Protein backbone atom coordinates (compact mmCIF):
# COMPACT_ATOMS: atom_id res chain seq x y z
CA MET A 1 0.00 0.00 0.00
CA LEU A 2 2.67 2.49 1.04
CA ALA A 3 4.73 1.58 -2.05
CA GLY A 4 1.90 2.75 -4.32
CA GLU A 5 1.11 -0.79 -5.44
CA LEU A 6 -2.29 -2.44 -5.61
CA TYR A 7 -3.46 -3.66 -2.22
CA ASN A 8 -6.55 -5.21 -0.65
CA PRO A 9 -8.27 -2.69 1.67
CA LEU A 10 -10.00 -5.59 3.43
CA ASP A 11 -6.69 -6.96 4.70
CA PRO A 12 -7.29 -7.74 8.42
CA VAL A 13 -4.40 -5.55 9.58
CA LEU A 14 -5.70 -2.56 7.61
CA VAL A 15 -9.26 -3.14 8.83
CA GLU A 16 -7.96 -3.19 12.43
CA ASP A 17 -5.90 -0.02 11.88
CA ARG A 18 -8.92 1.82 10.42
CA LEU A 19 -11.07 0.70 13.35
CA ARG A 20 -8.44 1.99 15.79
CA ALA A 21 -8.45 5.35 14.00
CA ARG A 22 -12.25 5.53 13.96
CA LEU A 23 -12.44 4.90 17.70
CA LEU A 24 -9.91 7.69 18.35
CA ILE A 25 -11.75 10.01 15.94
CA LYS A 26 -15.05 9.34 17.72
CA GLN A 27 -13.42 10.24 21.04
CA LEU A 28 -11.93 13.39 19.51
CA ASN A 29 -15.15 14.48 17.83
CA ASP A 30 -17.22 13.86 20.98
CA LEU A 31 -14.82 15.58 23.38
CA PRO A 32 -15.89 18.90 24.93
CA GLU A 33 -13.66 21.78 23.85
CA ASN A 34 -12.61 22.52 27.43
CA GLU A 35 -10.76 19.17 27.71
CA SER A 36 -7.64 20.35 25.92
CA ALA A 37 -5.21 17.97 27.67
CA ARG A 38 -7.25 14.90 26.63
CA ARG A 39 -7.63 16.37 23.12
CA GLN A 40 -3.84 16.59 22.80
CA GLU A 41 -3.44 12.99 24.00
CA ILE A 42 -5.90 11.71 21.41
CA LEU A 43 -4.35 13.82 18.64
CA LYS A 44 -0.87 12.53 19.46
CA GLU A 45 -2.10 8.94 19.35
CA LEU A 46 -4.05 9.48 16.12
CA ILE A 47 -1.39 11.58 14.33
CA PRO A 48 1.97 10.75 15.91
CA VAL A 49 4.06 12.93 13.56
CA GLN A 50 2.99 16.48 14.35
CA GLY A 51 4.49 19.81 15.26
CA ASP A 52 3.21 22.20 17.88
CA ASN A 53 -0.31 23.65 17.86
CA LEU A 54 -2.20 21.19 15.67
CA TRP A 55 -5.91 21.98 15.82
CA LEU A 56 -8.62 19.79 14.30
CA GLN A 57 -12.01 21.42 14.69
CA PRO A 58 -14.49 18.55 15.10
CA PRO A 59 -15.81 16.76 13.28
CA PHE A 60 -12.66 15.48 11.60
CA TYR A 61 -12.21 12.19 9.75
CA CYS A 62 -9.27 10.15 8.43
CA ASP A 63 -8.50 6.55 7.50
CA TYR A 64 -5.44 5.78 9.62
CA GLY A 65 -3.95 8.99 11.05
CA TYR A 66 -0.43 7.57 11.21
CA ASN A 67 0.16 8.44 7.53
CA ILE A 68 -0.49 12.14 8.20
CA GLU A 69 2.51 14.37 9.02
CA VAL A 70 1.86 17.95 10.07
CA GLY A 71 4.16 20.83 10.89
CA ASN A 72 3.64 23.59 13.44
CA ASN A 73 0.48 25.69 13.63
CA VAL A 74 -1.72 23.61 11.31
CA PHE A 75 -5.48 24.22 11.50
CA PHE A 76 -8.33 22.09 10.12
CA ASN A 77 -11.77 23.70 10.33
CA PHE A 78 -15.04 21.75 10.67
CA ASN A 79 -15.77 18.59 8.68
CA CYS A 80 -12.40 17.93 7.02
CA VAL A 81 -11.57 14.48 5.64
CA VAL A 82 -8.08 13.05 5.03
CA LEU A 83 -7.97 9.66 3.29
CA ASP A 84 -4.43 8.89 4.37
CA VAL A 85 -3.88 5.51 2.75
CA MET A 86 -0.48 6.92 1.80
CA ARG A 87 1.60 9.75 3.23
CA VAL A 88 0.02 13.18 3.57
CA LYS A 89 2.62 15.79 4.52
CA ILE A 90 1.48 19.26 5.57
CA GLY A 91 3.91 22.11 6.24
CA ASP A 92 3.92 24.74 8.98
CA ASN A 93 1.26 27.45 9.27
CA THR A 94 -1.18 25.80 6.87
CA LEU A 95 -4.92 26.44 7.12
CA PHE A 96 -7.81 24.28 5.90
CA ALA A 97 -11.29 25.83 5.70
CA PRO A 98 -14.42 23.76 6.41
CA SER A 99 -15.11 20.58 4.45
CA VAL A 100 -11.70 20.27 2.77
CA GLN A 101 -11.03 16.74 1.53
CA ILE A 102 -7.59 15.27 0.92
CA TYR A 103 -7.48 11.96 -0.94
CA THR A 104 -4.53 9.62 -1.39
CA ALA A 105 -6.60 6.53 -2.17
CA THR A 106 -7.56 5.79 -5.74
CA HIS A 107 -8.77 2.89 -7.85
CA PRO A 108 -7.54 1.17 -11.02
CA THR A 109 -8.98 2.46 -14.28
CA ASP A 110 -9.07 -1.15 -15.58
CA TRP A 111 -12.50 -2.41 -14.58
CA LYS A 112 -11.25 -5.99 -14.13
CA GLU A 113 -8.71 -4.90 -11.49
CA ARG A 114 -11.27 -2.58 -9.90
CA ALA A 115 -13.79 -5.48 -9.75
CA LEU A 116 -11.27 -7.44 -7.65
CA GLY A 117 -11.64 -4.76 -4.95
CA LEU A 118 -8.03 -3.67 -5.22
CA GLU A 119 -6.90 -0.07 -4.63
CA PHE A 120 -3.70 1.93 -4.74
CA ALA A 121 -2.59 5.30 -3.45
CA LYS A 122 -0.45 8.33 -4.25
CA PRO A 123 1.02 10.73 -1.66
CA VAL A 124 -0.15 14.31 -1.15
CA MET A 125 2.34 17.02 -0.19
CA ILE A 126 1.21 20.46 0.99
CA GLY A 127 3.78 23.18 1.66
CA THR A 128 4.12 25.81 4.35
CA HIS A 129 1.84 28.84 4.74
CA VAL A 130 -0.78 27.29 2.43
CA TRP A 131 -4.44 28.26 2.69
CA VAL A 132 -7.02 25.82 1.29
CA GLY A 133 -10.52 27.24 0.85
CA GLY A 134 -13.77 25.60 1.95
CA GLY A 135 -14.96 22.51 0.15
CA ALA A 136 -11.76 22.08 -1.85
CA ILE A 137 -10.79 18.55 -2.88
CA ILE A 138 -7.13 17.61 -3.19
CA CYS A 139 -6.70 14.50 -5.34
CA PRO A 140 -4.11 11.71 -5.04
CA GLY A 141 -0.55 12.51 -6.03
CA VAL A 142 -0.86 16.30 -5.81
CA THR A 143 1.81 18.64 -4.44
CA ILE A 144 0.85 22.18 -3.40
CA GLY A 145 3.76 24.62 -3.13
CA ASP A 146 4.58 26.95 -0.26
CA ARG A 147 2.38 30.01 0.25
CA ALA A 148 -0.18 28.90 -2.35
CA ILE A 149 -3.87 29.69 -1.91
CA ILE A 150 -6.47 27.23 -3.17
CA GLY A 151 -9.89 28.77 -3.80
CA ALA A 152 -13.04 27.45 -2.20
CA GLY A 153 -14.69 24.58 -4.07
CA SER A 154 -11.60 23.81 -6.14
CA VAL A 155 -10.78 20.31 -7.33
CA VAL A 156 -6.98 20.05 -7.32
CA THR A 157 -6.00 17.33 -9.80
CA LYS A 158 -2.47 18.55 -10.64
CA ASP A 159 0.45 20.11 -8.79
CA VAL A 160 0.13 23.76 -7.80
CA PRO A 161 3.37 25.80 -7.65
CA ALA A 162 4.44 28.02 -4.78
CA ASP A 163 3.27 31.62 -4.47
CA VAL A 164 0.12 31.40 -6.58
CA ILE A 165 -3.62 31.67 -6.18
CA ALA A 166 -5.33 28.75 -7.88
CA ALA A 167 -9.02 27.87 -8.15
CA GLY A 168 -11.65 26.07 -10.16
CA ASN A 169 -12.63 22.63 -11.35
CA PRO A 170 -10.16 21.55 -12.40
CA CYS A 171 -8.01 23.86 -10.29
CA LYS A 172 -5.79 26.20 -12.34
CA VAL A 173 -3.42 29.01 -11.46
CA ILE A 174 -5.25 32.34 -11.58
CA ARG A 175 -2.31 34.57 -10.79
CA ARG A 176 0.91 34.94 -8.84
CA ASN A 177 0.47 35.79 -5.17
CA ASP A 178 2.88 38.38 -3.81
CA GLY A 179 1.00 38.50 -0.50
CA ASN A 180 0.00 42.16 -0.81
CA ASP A 181 -3.63 41.75 -1.89
CA SER A 182 -5.83 42.45 1.13
CA SER A 183 -9.05 41.67 -0.81
CA ILE A 184 -8.51 37.89 -0.82
């Protein structure tokens, strides 16, 4: 699975790992906001590779958690989903608006392979100081460069370079971002 090869998602080890993650996610999503110490314990168990100040605004969902790596000061707003069948790396100071979805899992285009129930995955890499707008979908294999802004509702199917504003379906670069536009 982690090598990007076809795998069976019903493998007992993977099923057990997903169940473990779901139980932690349920605890996290049900926890009152004033229980910050317990929240940090659950987050560290769910996502072991994380910098300081990770905040997941519940509800949050992921497949495994242990394939997600986050830097410092990363914020996920309400209702975000990370299908972390493969590595998802997120740099420092990155913000995700509500309902952002990050997918690493994908399926064969050959219907015979797909009918066997096999899947594969591609990693997603997101740079530092990135802002992803509400409802955006980041597809398998995508890299988003540092300081990029992804517009709300975008479907990111290809790499996005650093220092740009990109939006649409499919997501395309709209313009360079020099950081001086206060109207964004």
